[in-house]
All heavy atoms as atom14 arrays in JSON, in Angstrom:
{
  "sequence": "HLERWKVPADRIIELDWEESAEVAGVRLIATAAQHFS",
  "atom14_mask": [
    [1, 1, 1, 1, 1, 1, 1, 1, 1, 1, 0, 0, 0, 0],
    [1, 1, 1, 1, 1, 1, 1, 1, 0, 0, 0, 0, 0, 0],
    [1, 1, 1, 1, 1, 1, 1, 1, 1, 0, 0, 0, 0, 0],
    [1, 1, 1, 1, 1, 1, 1, 1, 1, 1, 1, 0, 0, 0],
    [1, 1, 1, 1, 1, 1, 1, 1, 1, 1, 1, 1, 1, 1],
    [1, 1, 1, 1, 1, 1, 1, 1, 1, 0, 0, 0, 0, 0],
    [1, 1, 1, 1, 1, 1, 1, 0, 0, 0, 0, 0, 0, 0],
    [1, 1, 1, 1, 1, 1, 1, 0, 0, 0, 0, 0, 0, 0],
    [1, 1, 1, 1, 1, 0, 0, 0, 0, 0, 0, 0, 0, 0],
    [1, 1, 1, 1, 1, 1, 1, 1, 0, 0, 0, 0, 0, 0],
    [1, 1, 1, 1, 1, 1, 1, 1, 1, 1, 1, 0, 0, 0],
    [1, 1, 1, 1, 1, 1, 1, 1, 0, 0, 0, 0, 0, 0],
    [1, 1, 1, 1, 1, 1, 1, 1, 0, 0, 0, 0, 0, 0],
    [1, 1, 1, 1, 1, 1, 1, 1, 1, 0, 0, 0, 0, 0],
    [1, 1, 1, 1, 1, 1, 1, 1, 0, 0, 0, 0, 0, 0],
    [1, 1, 1, 1, 1, 1, 1, 1, 0, 0, 0, 0, 0, 0],
    [1, 1, 1, 1, 1, 1, 1, 1, 1, 1, 1, 1, 1, 1],
    [1, 1, 1, 1, 1, 1, 1, 1, 1, 0, 0, 0, 0, 0],
    [1, 1, 1, 1, 1, 1, 1, 1, 1, 0, 0, 0, 0, 0],
    [1, 1, 1, 1, 1, 1, 0, 0, 0, 0, 0, 0, 0, 0],
    [1, 1, 1, 1, 1, 0, 0, 0, 0, 0, 0, 0, 0, 0],
    [1, 1, 1, 1, 1, 1, 1, 1, 1, 0, 0, 0, 0, 0],
    [1, 1, 1, 1, 1, 1, 1, 0, 0, 0, 0, 0, 0, 0],
    [1, 1, 1, 1, 1, 0, 0, 0, 0, 0, 0, 0, 0, 0],
    [1, 1, 1, 1, 0, 0, 0, 0, 0, 0, 0, 0, 0, 0],
    [1, 1, 1, 1, 1, 1, 1, 0, 0, 0, 0, 0, 0, 0],
    [1, 1, 1, 1, 1, 1, 1, 1, 1, 1, 1, 0, 0, 0],
    [1, 1, 1, 1, 1, 1, 1, 1, 0, 0, 0, 0, 0, 0],
    [1, 1, 1, 1, 1, 1, 1, 1, 0, 0, 0, 0, 0, 0],
    [1, 1, 1, 1, 1, 0, 0, 0, 0, 0, 0, 0, 0, 0],
    [1, 1, 1, 1, 1, 1, 1, 0, 0, 0, 0, 0, 0, 0],
    [1, 1, 1, 1, 1, 0, 0, 0, 0, 0, 0, 0, 0, 0],
    [1, 1, 1, 1, 1, 0, 0, 0, 0, 0, 0, 0, 0, 0],
    [1, 1, 1, 1, 1, 1, 1, 1, 1, 0, 0, 0, 0, 0],
    [1, 1, 1, 1, 1, 1, 1, 1, 1, 1, 0, 0, 0, 0],
    [1, 1, 1, 1, 1, 1, 1, 1, 1, 1, 1, 0, 0, 0],
    [1, 1, 1, 1, 1, 1, 0, 0, 0, 0, 0, 0, 0, 0]
  ],
  "atom14_positions": [
    [[0.82, -1.21, -0.03], [0.0, -0.05, 0.02], [0.99, 1.21, -0.01], [0.65, 2.16, -0.79], [-0.88, 0.08, 1.31], [-1.79, -1.18, 1.41], [-2.37, -1.83, 0.34], [-2.29, -1.76, 2.46], [-3.17, -2.77, 0.84], [-3.23, -2.62, 2.1], [0.0, 0.0, 0.0], [0.0, 0.0, 0.0], [0.0, 0.0, 0.0], [0.0, 0.0, 0.0]],
    [[1.87, 1.24, 0.95], [2.67, 2.55, 0.93], [3.48, 2.64, -0.3], [3.66, 3.85, -0.57], [3.55, 2.23, 2.19], [3.03, 2.12, 3.62], [4.06, 2.03, 4.65], [1.9, 3.13, 3.81], [0.0, 0.0, 0.0], [0.0, 0.0, 0.0], [0.0, 0.0, 0.0], [0.0, 0.0, 0.0], [0.0, 0.0, 0.0], [0.0, 0.0, 0.0]],
    [[3.94, 1.69, -0.85], [4.75, 1.95, -2.13], [3.87, 2.54, -3.2], [4.3, 3.37, -3.91], [5.18, 0.51, -2.65], [6.47, 0.22, -2.01], [7.16, -1.07, -2.63], [6.46, -1.88, -3.33], [8.44, -1.2, -2.43], [0.0, 0.0, 0.0], [0.0, 0.0, 0.0], [0.0, 0.0, 0.0], [0.0, 0.0, 0.0], [0.0, 0.0, 0.0]],
    [[2.55, 2.16, -3.3], [1.56, 2.58, -4.24], [1.45, 4.22, -3.97], [1.11, 4.98, -4.81], [0.26, 1.88, -4.24], [-0.65, 2.37, -5.34], [-1.94, 1.64, -5.54], [-2.53, 2.03, -6.76], [-3.82, 1.66, -7.06], [-4.46, 0.86, -6.21], [-4.36, 2.14, -8.23], [0.0, 0.0, 0.0], [0.0, 0.0, 0.0], [0.0, 0.0, 0.0]],
    [[1.52, 4.43, -2.71], [1.28, 5.92, -2.2], [2.52, 6.87, -2.17], [2.63, 7.84, -1.63], [0.67, 5.85, -0.85], [-0.68, 5.12, -0.75], [-1.4, 4.71, -1.8], [-1.26, 4.62, 0.38], [-2.57, 4.05, -1.25], [-2.51, 4.07, -0.03], [-1.12, 4.83, 1.82], [-3.46, 3.43, 0.87], [-1.9, 4.35, 2.84], [-3.05, 3.74, 2.32]],
    [[3.59, 6.3, -2.84], [4.85, 7.0, -3.08], [5.63, 7.16, -1.86], [6.42, 8.06, -1.73], [4.61, 8.37, -3.71], [3.64, 8.33, -5.0], [4.27, 7.46, -6.05], [3.37, 7.34, -7.33], [3.91, 6.56, -8.43], [0.0, 0.0, 0.0], [0.0, 0.0, 0.0], [0.0, 0.0, 0.0], [0.0, 0.0, 0.0], [0.0, 0.0, 0.0]],
    [[5.58, 6.26, -0.83], [6.52, 6.29, 0.35], [7.73, 5.7, -0.23], [7.75, 4.48, -0.7], [5.77, 5.39, 1.47], [6.85, 5.46, 2.64], [4.56, 6.02, 1.91], [0.0, 0.0, 0.0], [0.0, 0.0, 0.0], [0.0, 0.0, 0.0], [0.0, 0.0, 0.0], [0.0, 0.0, 0.0], [0.0, 0.0, 0.0], [0.0, 0.0, 0.0]],
    [[8.95, 6.31, 0.06], [10.18, 5.72, -0.45], [10.4, 4.24, 0.23], [10.11, 4.2, 1.42], [11.22, 6.77, 0.08], [10.43, 8.0, 0.29], [9.0, 7.65, 0.66], [0.0, 0.0, 0.0], [0.0, 0.0, 0.0], [0.0, 0.0, 0.0], [0.0, 0.0, 0.0], [0.0, 0.0, 0.0], [0.0, 0.0, 0.0], [0.0, 0.0, 0.0]],
    [[10.89, 3.49, -0.66], [11.13, 2.1, -0.07], [12.11, 2.04, 1.07], [11.85, 1.21, 2.02], [11.78, 1.32, -1.28], [0.0, 0.0, 0.0], [0.0, 0.0, 0.0], [0.0, 0.0, 0.0], [0.0, 0.0, 0.0], [0.0, 0.0, 0.0], [0.0, 0.0, 0.0], [0.0, 0.0, 0.0], [0.0, 0.0, 0.0], [0.0, 0.0, 0.0]],
    [[12.97, 3.06, 1.23], [13.98, 3.06, 2.33], [13.26, 3.52, 3.55], [13.91, 3.64, 4.73], [15.27, 3.76, 2.08], [14.99, 5.25, 1.77], [13.93, 5.72, 1.77], [16.01, 5.9, 1.47], [0.0, 0.0, 0.0], [0.0, 0.0, 0.0], [0.0, 0.0, 0.0], [0.0, 0.0, 0.0], [0.0, 0.0, 0.0], [0.0, 0.0, 0.0]],
    [[11.95, 3.96, 3.58], [11.19, 4.44, 4.72], [10.21, 3.38, 5.05], [9.32, 3.67, 5.85], [10.58, 5.73, 4.5], [11.57, 6.93, 4.42], [10.88, 8.27, 4.26], [9.99, 8.56, 5.42], [9.11, 9.66, 5.58], [9.24, 10.47, 4.56], [8.46, 9.91, 6.52], [0.0, 0.0, 0.0], [0.0, 0.0, 0.0], [0.0, 0.0, 0.0]],
    [[10.33, 2.15, 4.52], [9.27, 1.03, 4.76], [9.99, -0.04, 5.51], [10.9, -0.62, 4.84], [8.57, 0.59, 3.47], [7.92, 1.78, 2.83], [7.52, -0.46, 3.84], [7.2, 1.53, 1.51], [0.0, 0.0, 0.0], [0.0, 0.0, 0.0], [0.0, 0.0, 0.0], [0.0, 0.0, 0.0], [0.0, 0.0, 0.0], [0.0, 0.0, 0.0]],
    [[9.44, -0.45, 6.64], [10.01, -1.69, 7.45], [8.65, -2.5, 7.7], [7.85, -2.22, 8.38], [10.64, -1.17, 8.81], [11.82, -0.26, 8.53], [11.07, -2.59, 9.56], [12.33, 0.27, 9.81], [0.0, 0.0, 0.0], [0.0, 0.0, 0.0], [0.0, 0.0, 0.0], [0.0, 0.0, 0.0], [0.0, 0.0, 0.0], [0.0, 0.0, 0.0]],
    [[8.81, -3.66, 7.0], [7.71, -4.67, 7.12], [8.19, -5.74, 8.18], [9.18, -6.31, 8.05], [7.33, -5.22, 5.85], [6.44, -4.36, 5.04], [5.98, -5.19, 3.75], [6.81, -5.69, 3.05], [4.75, -5.28, 3.6], [0.0, 0.0, 0.0], [0.0, 0.0, 0.0], [0.0, 0.0, 0.0], [0.0, 0.0, 0.0], [0.0, 0.0, 0.0]],
    [[7.21, -6.06, 9.07], [7.5, -7.1, 10.07], [6.45, -8.26, 10.18], [5.2, -7.82, 10.1], [7.72, -6.53, 11.51], [8.95, -5.37, 11.57], [8.84, -4.81, 13.06], [10.3, -6.07, 11.33], [0.0, 0.0, 0.0], [0.0, 0.0, 0.0], [0.0, 0.0, 0.0], [0.0, 0.0, 0.0], [0.0, 0.0, 0.0], [0.0, 0.0, 0.0]],
    [[6.88, -9.34, 10.48], [5.98, -10.52, 10.85], [5.86, -10.5, 12.35], [6.63, -9.84, 12.98], [6.43, -11.94, 10.25], [5.34, -12.94, 10.18], [4.29, -12.64, 10.72], [5.66, -13.91, 9.54], [0.0, 0.0, 0.0], [0.0, 0.0, 0.0], [0.0, 0.0, 0.0], [0.0, 0.0, 0.0], [0.0, 0.0, 0.0], [0.0, 0.0, 0.0]],
    [[4.88, -11.27, 12.91], [4.86, -11.57, 14.28], [6.17, -11.93, 14.99], [6.78, -12.89, 14.43], [3.78, -12.55, 14.69], [2.38, -11.88, 14.6], [2.04, -10.54, 14.12], [1.2, -12.69, 14.41], [0.67, -10.5, 13.95], [-0.04, -11.79, 14.07], [0.9, -14.06, 14.68], [-1.21, -12.23, 13.98], [-0.5, -14.38, 14.69], [-1.62, -13.47, 14.31]],
    [[6.57, -11.33, 15.98], [7.81, -11.63, 16.84], [9.1, -11.23, 15.98], [10.07, -11.45, 16.38], [7.83, -13.02, 17.13], [6.85, -13.44, 18.19], [6.77, -12.61, 19.45], [7.86, -12.25, 19.91], [5.67, -12.49, 20.03], [0.0, 0.0, 0.0], [0.0, 0.0, 0.0], [0.0, 0.0, 0.0], [0.0, 0.0, 0.0], [0.0, 0.0, 0.0]],
    [[8.86, -10.41, 14.96], [10.12, -9.8, 14.37], [10.16, -8.28, 14.97], [9.09, -7.88, 15.42], [9.86, -9.63, 12.87], [10.12, -11.17, 12.23], [9.94, -11.04, 10.68], [9.53, -9.98, 10.19], [10.43, -11.96, 10.06], [0.0, 0.0, 0.0], [0.0, 0.0, 0.0], [0.0, 0.0, 0.0], [0.0, 0.0, 0.0], [0.0, 0.0, 0.0]],
    [[11.29, -7.73, 14.8], [11.54, -6.47, 15.49], [12.51, -5.59, 14.65], [13.13, -5.98, 13.84], [11.99, -6.67, 16.93], [13.42, -7.07, 16.8], [0.0, 0.0, 0.0], [0.0, 0.0, 0.0], [0.0, 0.0, 0.0], [0.0, 0.0, 0.0], [0.0, 0.0, 0.0], [0.0, 0.0, 0.0], [0.0, 0.0, 0.0], [0.0, 0.0, 0.0]],
    [[12.28, -4.26, 14.97], [13.18, -3.25, 14.41], [13.66, -2.36, 15.47], [12.82, -1.95, 16.38], [12.43, -2.52, 13.26], [0.0, 0.0, 0.0], [0.0, 0.0, 0.0], [0.0, 0.0, 0.0], [0.0, 0.0, 0.0], [0.0, 0.0, 0.0], [0.0, 0.0, 0.0], [0.0, 0.0, 0.0], [0.0, 0.0, 0.0], [0.0, 0.0, 0.0]],
    [[14.89, -1.81, 15.37], [15.34, -0.87, 16.29], [15.35, 0.53, 15.69], [15.97, 0.69, 14.54], [16.66, -1.17, 16.96], [17.15, -0.33, 17.98], [18.29, -0.82, 18.88], [18.46, -1.99, 18.96], [19.09, 0.06, 19.3], [0.0, 0.0, 0.0], [0.0, 0.0, 0.0], [0.0, 0.0, 0.0], [0.0, 0.0, 0.0], [0.0, 0.0, 0.0]],
    [[14.69, 1.45, 16.2], [14.61, 2.83, 15.68], [14.93, 3.72, 17.01], [14.3, 3.82, 17.98], [13.36, 3.19, 15.14], [13.33, 4.53, 14.67], [13.05, 2.23, 13.96], [0.0, 0.0, 0.0], [0.0, 0.0, 0.0], [0.0, 0.0, 0.0], [0.0, 0.0, 0.0], [0.0, 0.0, 0.0], [0.0, 0.0, 0.0], [0.0, 0.0, 0.0]],
    [[16.02, 4.66, 16.78], [16.24, 5.62, 17.81], [16.56, 5.07, 19.22], [16.04, 5.62, 20.26], [15.24, 6.75, 17.78], [0.0, 0.0, 0.0], [0.0, 0.0, 0.0], [0.0, 0.0, 0.0], [0.0, 0.0, 0.0], [0.0, 0.0, 0.0], [0.0, 0.0, 0.0], [0.0, 0.0, 0.0], [0.0, 0.0, 0.0], [0.0, 0.0, 0.0]],
    [[17.08, 3.83, 19.29], [17.37, 3.26, 20.54], [16.15, 2.66, 21.14], [16.31, 1.96, 22.3], [0.0, 0.0, 0.0], [0.0, 0.0, 0.0], [0.0, 0.0, 0.0], [0.0, 0.0, 0.0], [0.0, 0.0, 0.0], [0.0, 0.0, 0.0], [0.0, 0.0, 0.0], [0.0, 0.0, 0.0], [0.0, 0.0, 0.0], [0.0, 0.0, 0.0]],
    [[15.02, 2.45, 20.39], [13.83, 1.82, 20.88], [13.54, 0.56, 19.96], [13.6, 0.67, 18.76], [12.52, 2.78, 21.03], [11.26, 1.98, 21.23], [12.81, 3.85, 21.98], [0.0, 0.0, 0.0], [0.0, 0.0, 0.0], [0.0, 0.0, 0.0], [0.0, 0.0, 0.0], [0.0, 0.0, 0.0], [0.0, 0.0, 0.0], [0.0, 0.0, 0.0]],
    [[13.27, -0.55, 20.65], [12.93, -1.77, 19.78], [11.44, -1.83, 19.66], [10.69, -1.89, 20.62], [13.48, -2.96, 20.49], [13.25, -4.18, 19.6], [14.19, -5.3, 19.97], [15.54, -5.03, 19.67], [16.09, -4.97, 18.37], [15.42, -5.49, 17.41], [17.32, -4.65, 18.24], [0.0, 0.0, 0.0], [0.0, 0.0, 0.0], [0.0, 0.0, 0.0]],
    [[10.97, -2.02, 18.39], [9.58, -2.08, 18.12], [9.41, -3.6, 17.63], [9.82, -4.06, 16.71], [9.17, -1.21, 16.87], [9.42, 0.21, 17.16], [9.36, 1.01, 15.91], [8.35, 0.92, 18.21], [0.0, 0.0, 0.0], [0.0, 0.0, 0.0], [0.0, 0.0, 0.0], [0.0, 0.0, 0.0], [0.0, 0.0, 0.0], [0.0, 0.0, 0.0]],
    [[8.5, -4.34, 18.38], [8.2, -5.76, 18.13], [6.82, -5.98, 17.73], [5.9, -5.56, 18.53], [8.64, -6.54, 19.49], [9.93, -6.16, 20.04], [8.5, -8.03, 19.23], [10.38, -6.73, 21.35], [0.0, 0.0, 0.0], [0.0, 0.0, 0.0], [0.0, 0.0, 0.0], [0.0, 0.0, 0.0], [0.0, 0.0, 0.0], [0.0, 0.0, 0.0]],
    [[6.61, -6.55, 16.61], [5.24, -6.91, 16.21], [4.93, -8.21, 16.88], [5.61, -9.16, 16.85], [5.34, -7.2, 14.64], [0.0, 0.0, 0.0], [0.0, 0.0, 0.0], [0.0, 0.0, 0.0], [0.0, 0.0, 0.0], [0.0, 0.0, 0.0], [0.0, 0.0, 0.0], [0.0, 0.0, 0.0], [0.0, 0.0, 0.0], [0.0, 0.0, 0.0]],
    [[3.7, -8.02, 17.5], [3.22, -9.22, 18.23], [1.71, -9.66, 17.76], [1.18, -8.91, 17.03], [3.24, -8.95, 19.76], [2.64, -7.67, 20.02], [4.61, -9.08, 20.31], [0.0, 0.0, 0.0], [0.0, 0.0, 0.0], [0.0, 0.0, 0.0], [0.0, 0.0, 0.0], [0.0, 0.0, 0.0], [0.0, 0.0, 0.0], [0.0, 0.0, 0.0]],
    [[1.36, -10.66, 18.25], [0.08, -11.24, 17.65], [-1.11, -10.45, 18.17], [-1.16, -9.77, 19.16], [-0.06, -12.68, 18.2], [0.0, 0.0, 0.0], [0.0, 0.0, 0.0], [0.0, 0.0, 0.0], [0.0, 0.0, 0.0], [0.0, 0.0, 0.0], [0.0, 0.0, 0.0], [0.0, 0.0, 0.0], [0.0, 0.0, 0.0], [0.0, 0.0, 0.0]],
    [[-2.17, -10.55, 17.33], [-3.45, -9.93, 17.53], [-4.42, -10.79, 16.94], [-4.09, -11.82, 16.03], [-3.64, -8.56, 16.94], [0.0, 0.0, 0.0], [0.0, 0.0, 0.0], [0.0, 0.0, 0.0], [0.0, 0.0, 0.0], [0.0, 0.0, 0.0], [0.0, 0.0, 0.0], [0.0, 0.0, 0.0], [0.0, 0.0, 0.0], [0.0, 0.0, 0.0]],
    [[-5.8, -10.76, 17.21], [-6.75, -11.46, 16.67], [-7.82, -10.61, 15.98], [-8.69, -9.9, 16.55], [-7.52, -12.32, 17.79], [-8.6, -13.25, 17.32], [-9.27, -14.04, 18.32], [-8.7, -15.07, 18.75], [-10.38, -13.63, 18.72], [0.0, 0.0, 0.0], [0.0, 0.0, 0.0], [0.0, 0.0, 0.0], [0.0, 0.0, 0.0], [0.0, 0.0, 0.0]],
    [[-7.63, -10.65, 14.58], [-8.4, -9.43, 13.88], [-8.49, -9.95, 12.47], [-8.39, -11.18, 12.11], [-7.8, -8.22, 14.03], [-8.66, -6.95, 13.65], [-9.84, -6.81, 14.34], [-8.54, -5.95, 12.82], [-10.38, -5.78, 13.84], [-9.64, -5.18, 12.94], [0.0, 0.0, 0.0], [0.0, 0.0, 0.0], [0.0, 0.0, 0.0], [0.0, 0.0, 0.0]],
    [[-8.58, -9.04, 11.5], [-8.53, -9.37, 10.12], [-8.05, -8.12, 9.3], [-7.88, -7.09, 9.92], [-9.95, -9.7, 9.58], [-10.97, -8.68, 9.67], [-11.51, -8.19, 8.42], [-11.6, -8.31, 10.77], [-12.46, -7.19, 8.54], [-12.56, -7.3, 10.82], [-13.0, -6.81, 9.63], [0.0, 0.0, 0.0], [0.0, 0.0, 0.0], [0.0, 0.0, 0.0]],
    [[-7.95, -8.12, 7.98], [-7.52, -6.97, 7.3], [-8.22, -6.78, 5.85], [-8.92, -7.76, 5.52], [-5.88, -7.1, 7.13], [-5.77, -8.16, 6.21], [0.0, 0.0, 0.0], [0.0, 0.0, 0.0], [0.0, 0.0, 0.0], [0.0, 0.0, 0.0], [0.0, 0.0, 0.0], [0.0, 0.0, 0.0], [0.0, 0.0, 0.0], [0.0, 0.0, 0.0]]
  ]
}
């Protein structure tokens, strides 16, 4: 979606559950939810 909306690729971080990314010294961890999309 973001690519179609012209968000630069180097500004997109995609994560699966229990994957993480560190930004500005803070770790962002994607965790489970029960929903739909």
